[in-house]
Protein backbone atom coordinates (compact mmCIF):
# COMPACT_ATOMS: atom_id res chain seq x y z
CA MET A 1 92.69 104.22 20.76
CA THR A 2 95.18 104.82 17.98
CA ASP A 3 98.27 103.01 16.75
CA PRO A 4 101.70 104.59 17.25
CA GLY A 5 101.24 106.36 13.90
CA GLY A 6 98.16 108.21 15.17
CA GLU A 7 95.56 106.36 13.06
CA PRO A 8 92.56 104.55 14.60
CA LEU A 9 93.57 100.99 15.41
CA PHE A 10 90.15 99.43 14.77
CA VAL A 11 87.91 100.66 11.95
CA ARG A 12 84.18 99.95 11.79
CA VAL A 13 82.97 98.43 8.54
CA PRO A 14 80.49 100.56 6.53
CA ALA A 15 77.92 97.72 6.62
CA ASN A 16 77.47 98.02 10.41
CA PRO A 17 75.49 96.74 12.10
CA ILE A 18 76.17 93.58 10.11
CA ILE A 19 73.35 91.63 11.82
CA ALA A 20 70.19 93.10 13.37
CA PRO A 21 67.05 91.38 14.71
CA ASP A 22 65.13 92.09 11.49
CA ASP A 23 67.76 90.11 9.54
CA LEU A 24 66.94 86.88 11.37
CA PRO A 25 64.48 84.27 10.04
CA TYR A 26 62.82 84.09 13.47
CA PRO A 27 61.44 86.73 15.85
CA ALA A 28 63.97 88.24 18.24
CA ASN A 29 64.49 91.26 20.42
CA ALA A 30 68.27 91.44 20.05
CA VAL A 31 71.23 89.65 18.42
CA PHE A 32 74.63 90.40 19.91
CA ASN A 33 77.87 89.26 21.62
CA PRO A 34 78.87 86.55 19.11
CA GLY A 35 81.71 84.08 19.30
CA ALA A 36 83.61 83.75 16.02
CA ALA A 37 85.42 80.97 14.17
CA SER A 38 86.73 80.15 10.72
CA VAL A 39 85.36 76.78 9.56
CA ASP A 40 85.69 75.20 6.10
CA GLY A 41 86.15 78.55 4.38
CA ASP A 42 83.23 80.21 6.16
CA THR A 43 83.16 82.69 8.99
CA VAL A 44 80.94 81.17 11.67
CA LEU A 45 79.32 83.36 14.30
CA LEU A 46 77.65 81.84 17.35
CA LEU A 47 75.14 84.56 18.07
CA ARG A 48 73.45 85.36 21.33
CA VAL A 49 69.82 85.82 20.31
CA GLU A 50 67.46 87.20 22.94
CA ASP A 51 63.84 86.28 22.26
CA ARG A 52 60.79 88.31 23.16
CA ARG A 53 60.55 86.66 26.56
CA GLY A 54 64.00 87.98 27.43
CA ILE A 55 65.64 84.52 27.30
CA SER A 56 68.80 84.05 25.22
CA SER A 57 69.86 81.08 23.07
CA LEU A 58 72.92 80.57 20.87
CA TYR A 59 72.33 80.39 17.10
CA VAL A 60 74.77 79.79 14.24
CA ALA A 61 75.26 82.14 11.28
CA ARG A 62 77.67 81.56 8.37
CA SER A 63 79.13 83.88 5.75
CA GLU A 64 81.75 83.53 3.02
CA ASP A 65 83.20 87.01 3.56
CA GLY A 66 82.39 87.44 7.25
CA ILE A 67 80.42 90.61 6.55
CA SER A 68 77.38 89.92 4.40
CA ASN A 69 75.04 87.26 3.00
CA TRP A 70 74.67 85.50 6.32
CA ARG A 71 73.06 82.07 6.34
CA PHE A 72 71.17 81.50 9.58
CA ASP A 73 70.36 78.15 11.18
CA GLU A 74 66.69 78.08 12.09
CA LYS A 75 67.19 76.16 15.33
CA PRO A 76 69.61 77.09 18.12
CA LEU A 77 72.81 75.17 18.71
CA LEU A 78 72.43 75.77 22.45
CA ALA A 79 69.16 76.70 24.10
CA PRO A 80 67.91 76.35 27.69
CA ASP A 81 67.40 72.64 28.34
CA PRO A 82 65.21 71.25 31.15
CA ALA A 83 67.93 68.65 31.79
CA HIS A 84 70.34 71.50 32.58
CA PRO A 85 68.82 73.70 35.30
CA GLU A 86 71.90 75.94 35.22
CA GLU A 87 70.54 77.29 31.90
CA VAL A 88 66.96 77.96 33.02
CA TRP A 89 67.23 81.70 32.28
CA GLY A 90 69.31 81.40 29.12
CA CYS A 91 72.60 80.70 27.32
CA GLU A 92 74.67 83.83 26.73
CA ASP A 93 77.94 85.34 25.48
CA PRO A 94 79.88 82.43 23.90
CA ARG A 95 83.63 82.32 23.25
CA LEU A 96 85.06 79.77 20.81
CA THR A 97 88.47 78.10 21.10
CA TRP A 98 89.85 75.43 18.75
CA LEU A 99 91.44 72.61 20.76
CA ALA A 100 93.70 70.80 18.29
CA GLU A 101 94.32 68.03 20.81
CA HIS A 102 90.61 67.19 20.79
CA GLU A 103 89.97 68.24 17.19
CA GLU A 104 86.96 70.15 18.51
CA TRP A 105 85.82 73.66 19.23
CA ALA A 106 85.33 74.45 22.90
CA ILE A 107 82.40 76.75 23.61
CA THR A 108 82.58 78.57 26.92
CA TYR A 109 79.32 80.39 27.63
CA THR A 110 77.39 82.00 30.41
CA ALA A 111 74.62 79.72 31.65
CA TYR A 112 72.09 81.82 33.50
CA SER A 113 70.71 79.88 36.43
CA SER A 114 68.09 80.92 38.95
CA ARG A 115 70.99 81.42 41.38
CA GLY A 116 72.94 83.65 39.02
CA PRO A 117 75.20 83.37 35.95
CA LEU A 118 77.92 80.74 35.80
CA VAL A 119 80.43 79.37 33.30
CA SER A 120 79.48 76.29 31.27
CA LEU A 121 81.42 74.39 28.64
CA ALA A 122 80.31 72.57 25.48
CA MET A 123 82.14 70.96 22.55
CA THR A 124 81.43 70.83 18.82
CA ARG A 125 83.23 69.78 15.63
CA ASP A 126 81.02 71.48 13.05
CA PHE A 127 78.60 73.86 14.84
CA ARG A 128 75.78 71.53 13.82
CA GLU A 129 75.91 69.13 16.74
CA VAL A 130 77.03 69.91 20.28
CA ARG A 131 77.65 68.10 23.54
CA ARG A 132 77.56 69.78 26.90
CA LEU A 133 80.23 69.20 29.53
CA GLY A 134 78.18 71.26 31.97
CA PRO A 135 79.09 73.92 34.54
CA VAL A 136 82.77 74.46 35.26
CA MET A 137 82.51 77.50 37.58
CA PRO A 138 79.79 78.28 40.15
CA PRO A 139 77.77 81.53 40.27
CA GLU A 140 78.51 84.29 39.89
CA ASP A 141 81.05 83.93 37.13
CA LYS A 142 81.17 84.80 33.43
CA ASP A 143 83.33 86.24 30.60
CA ALA A 144 85.26 82.98 30.19
CA ALA A 145 87.42 81.47 27.45
CA LEU A 146 89.94 78.66 27.16
CA LEU A 147 93.47 79.00 25.88
CA PRO A 148 94.03 76.54 23.03
CA ILE A 149 96.94 74.54 24.48
CA ARG A 150 97.94 72.93 27.76
CA PHE A 151 100.48 74.42 30.15
CA ASP A 152 102.47 71.78 32.04
CA GLY A 153 99.75 69.28 31.16
CA ARG A 154 96.82 71.47 32.21
CA TRP A 155 94.26 73.53 30.36
CA ALA A 156 93.90 77.20 31.27
CA MET A 157 90.74 79.29 31.39
CA ILE A 158 90.36 83.02 31.95
CA HIS A 159 87.11 84.07 33.63
CA ARG A 160 85.58 86.80 35.77
CA PRO A 161 84.02 85.89 39.12
CA ALA A 162 81.87 88.53 40.80
CA PRO A 163 83.09 89.24 44.34
CA ILE A 164 80.83 89.97 47.27
CA ARG A 165 82.81 93.14 47.84
CA GLY A 166 85.41 95.13 45.92
CA GLY A 167 86.08 95.25 42.21
CA ALA A 168 85.40 92.59 39.60
CA HIS A 169 88.72 91.30 38.23
CA MET A 170 89.91 88.74 35.67
CA TRP A 171 91.15 85.40 36.99
CA ILE A 172 92.87 82.37 35.47
CA SER A 173 92.31 78.75 36.52
CA PHE A 174 93.75 75.38 35.47
CA SER A 175 92.36 71.90 34.82
CA PRO A 176 93.77 68.48 33.85
CA ASP A 177 90.54 67.37 32.18
CA LEU A 178 88.34 70.42 31.36
CA ARG A 179 86.00 69.45 34.20
CA HIS A 180 87.84 70.00 37.48
CA TRP A 181 89.34 73.45 37.93
CA GLY A 182 91.75 74.82 40.51
CA ASP A 183 94.85 76.95 41.15
CA HIS A 184 92.63 80.02 40.82
CA THR A 185 94.82 83.10 40.39
CA MET A 186 93.93 86.74 39.87
CA LEU A 187 95.23 87.70 36.45
CA ILE A 188 94.34 91.32 35.69
CA GLU A 189 92.98 93.64 38.34
CA ALA A 190 90.42 96.33 37.61
CA ARG A 191 91.97 99.73 38.27
CA ASP A 192 90.63 102.27 40.74
CA GLY A 193 89.47 105.83 40.30
CA ALA A 194 88.66 107.52 37.01
CA TRP A 195 90.26 104.97 34.66
CA TRP A 196 88.17 103.59 31.80
CA ASP A 197 88.69 100.08 33.25
CA ALA A 198 88.18 100.89 36.93
CA GLY A 199 85.97 98.72 39.13
CA LYS A 200 84.86 96.04 36.65
CA ILE A 201 86.63 94.28 33.80
CA GLY A 202 86.16 91.03 31.87
CA LEU A 203 87.67 89.02 29.03
CA GLY A 204 86.68 89.73 25.44
CA PRO A 205 87.57 87.15 22.73
CA PRO A 206 89.70 84.10 23.52
CA PRO A 207 93.43 84.84 23.80
CA VAL A 208 95.41 84.40 20.58
CA LEU A 209 99.11 83.59 20.28
CA VAL A 210 101.21 86.33 18.68
CA PRO A 211 104.96 87.02 18.65
CA GLY A 212 105.82 87.70 22.26
CA GLY A 213 102.93 86.00 24.02
CA TRP A 214 99.15 85.67 24.31
CA LEU A 215 97.19 88.65 23.04
CA VAL A 216 94.20 89.46 25.25
CA MET A 217 91.36 91.91 24.67
CA TYR A 218 89.21 92.81 27.65
CA HIS A 219 86.32 95.15 28.42
CA GLY A 220 86.10 97.72 31.16
CA ALA A 221 82.83 99.09 32.49
CA HIS A 222 83.42 102.70 33.54
CA MET A 223 80.65 103.95 35.83
CA THR A 224 79.23 107.40 35.15
CA ALA A 225 76.29 109.39 36.48
CA SER A 226 74.18 108.10 33.56
CA GLY A 227 75.33 104.47 33.79
CA PRO A 228 78.31 102.35 32.68
CA ILE A 229 80.29 102.79 29.47
CA TYR A 230 81.74 99.57 28.08
CA ARG A 231 85.05 99.99 26.23
CA VAL A 232 87.84 97.56 25.37
CA GLY A 233 91.61 97.52 25.82
CA MET A 234 94.42 95.01 25.40
CA ALA A 235 96.99 93.05 27.38
CA LEU A 236 99.78 90.57 26.67
CA LEU A 237 100.43 87.40 28.67
CA ASP A 238 103.64 85.39 28.82
CA ARG A 239 103.77 82.63 26.22
CA GLU A 240 104.94 79.91 28.62
CA ASP A 241 103.24 81.14 31.81
CA PRO A 242 99.90 82.85 31.12
CA THR A 243 99.59 83.92 34.76
CA VAL A 244 102.23 86.58 33.99
CA VAL A 245 100.94 89.85 32.52
CA LEU A 246 103.67 91.40 30.39
CA ARG A 247 101.86 94.42 29.00
CA ARG A 248 98.58 96.25 29.49
CA SER A 249 97.18 99.20 27.58
CA ASP A 250 96.48 102.40 29.46
CA GLU A 251 93.93 103.57 26.87
CA TRP A 252 90.94 101.81 25.40
CA VAL A 253 91.23 100.79 21.73
CA LEU A 254 87.49 100.77 20.93
CA GLY A 255 84.59 102.49 22.64
CA PRO A 256 80.99 103.38 21.83
CA ALA A 257 80.89 106.16 19.23
CA ALA A 258 78.47 105.10 16.48
CA SER A 259 74.73 105.54 16.99
CA TYR A 260 74.12 101.76 17.13
CA GLU A 261 76.66 101.52 19.96
CA ARG A 262 75.37 104.49 21.93
CA VAL A 263 71.64 103.71 21.86
CA GLY A 264 69.99 100.35 22.41
CA ASP A 265 68.70 98.01 25.11
CA VAL A 266 71.86 98.84 27.06
CA SER A 267 73.35 102.05 25.73
CA GLN A 268 77.04 102.92 25.51
CA VAL A 269 78.32 99.38 24.95
CA VAL A 270 80.86 97.70 22.70
CA PHE A 271 81.27 94.09 23.84
CA PRO A 272 83.51 91.81 21.72
CA ASP A 273 83.42 88.03 22.22
CA GLY A 274 85.03 86.85 18.98
CA TRP A 275 87.80 87.66 16.56
CA ILE A 276 89.38 86.02 13.54
CA VAL A 277 93.06 86.49 12.75
CA ASP A 278 94.00 86.29 9.06
CA GLU A 279 97.79 86.40 8.90
CA GLU A 280 97.92 86.05 5.10
CA ARG A 281 95.79 89.19 4.62
CA ASP A 282 97.31 90.97 7.63
CA ARG A 283 93.82 91.40 9.04
CA LEU A 284 92.08 91.04 12.37
CA MET A 285 88.28 90.93 12.30
CA LEU A 286 86.66 91.83 15.63
CA TYR A 287 83.01 90.88 16.12
CA TYR A 288 81.14 92.60 18.92
CA GLY A 289 77.76 93.32 20.39
CA ALA A 290 76.66 96.95 20.17
CA ALA A 291 74.35 98.40 22.84
CA ASP A 292 73.18 94.84 23.67
CA SER A 293 71.01 95.04 20.55
CA VAL A 294 72.90 94.31 17.30
CA THR A 295 76.09 92.69 16.01
CA ALA A 296 78.87 94.80 14.52
CA LEU A 297 82.34 94.35 13.05
CA ALA A 298 85.55 96.35 13.27
CA THR A 299 88.79 95.46 11.47
CA ALA A 300 92.46 96.22 12.02
CA ARG A 301 95.73 95.47 10.34
CA LEU A 302 97.40 92.73 12.34
CA THR A 303 100.80 94.38 12.01
CA ASP A 304 99.35 97.60 13.43
CA VAL A 305 97.91 95.70 16.40
CA LEU A 306 101.25 94.03 17.08
CA ARG A 307 103.04 97.36 16.84
CA TYR A 308 100.52 98.87 19.26
CA VAL A 309 100.99 96.02 21.73
CA ALA A 310 104.77 96.37 21.54
CA ALA A 311 104.39 100.02 22.57
CA MET A 312 102.09 99.32 25.54
CA PRO A 313 103.49 99.82 29.07
CA THR A 314 105.39 96.86 30.47
CA ARG A 315 103.60 95.18 33.35
CA LEU A 316 104.14 92.22 35.61
CA HIS A 317 100.88 91.05 37.22
CA GLY A 318 99.37 94.44 36.40
CA ARG A 319 102.17 96.47 38.03
CA ALA A 320 104.78 98.61 36.36
CA SER A 321 108.12 96.92 35.88
CA ASP A 322 111.53 97.93 34.62
CA VAL A 323 111.90 94.52 32.99
CA ASP A 324 110.91 94.15 29.34
CA ARG A 325 110.35 90.45 28.72
CA VAL A 326 108.85 90.73 25.23
CA VAL A 327 110.97 90.00 22.19
CA TRP A 328 109.42 91.06 18.88
CA ARG A 329 110.66 89.37 15.75
């Protein structure tokens, strides 16, 4: 939860929650779990907005400082479409990855079908127009994001299928064309017992390249007598082979503590889907859903995050190893 110096790693901004349902120019029950991107000098959030039927759509909001004075599009970028039955119960929890090869943003999102949630993919250049590529994983699967480059000619996607039995773990899969996916490999396994990330985990924001590898944030749902508590921790994947887990935090780095995180439609939840890394300002801005009701922001110094990751236990495929493969420059 703290950096090696003992200070909190992520600090909530005083303006939290930065977006609530009453801020929107349309009626809504909740606004949460946004993807995040930096586009033409603006911070762009792709918000999950749940209407008063209980159905979610994805709306765009823009801000110059990423905190205040949000400009909201009145119509959704992605909403349930009769031509796409996989979305009949909603579009949820987007993650945004810039694919330089395509000069487009890839949107991975949970399409909620009548047979359960699945992973769908869409593309956009400007968050004003979008084209769907359709489902890429069958039900039940969610918490997905692409890595921004190919590995040996193939794209990589982290996702979280729901097993019929046992824990819910994070997997990685590969594709030559963003449509056909295979080589499914378990990436990070949910721990057992009393751990904060025992039983059920899932990816947070899309992985970002840092010195030493791919920085990953993931959530863990710890079951208690009064229900789950959603907290987030970190991991580091090998730069050349993202199936290799180099490091994994033992502690969570952000958990529900503020009132807007503890009480809501689903209490005791922090659920990040987007972050923006600003190397020039040494800042990481983490956007997250709080209690499945509102959108909040926590910030960290990027150098502190990197120092924290460098101090995390060394792991290979989630198991302790005597080999330290990370070189920090």
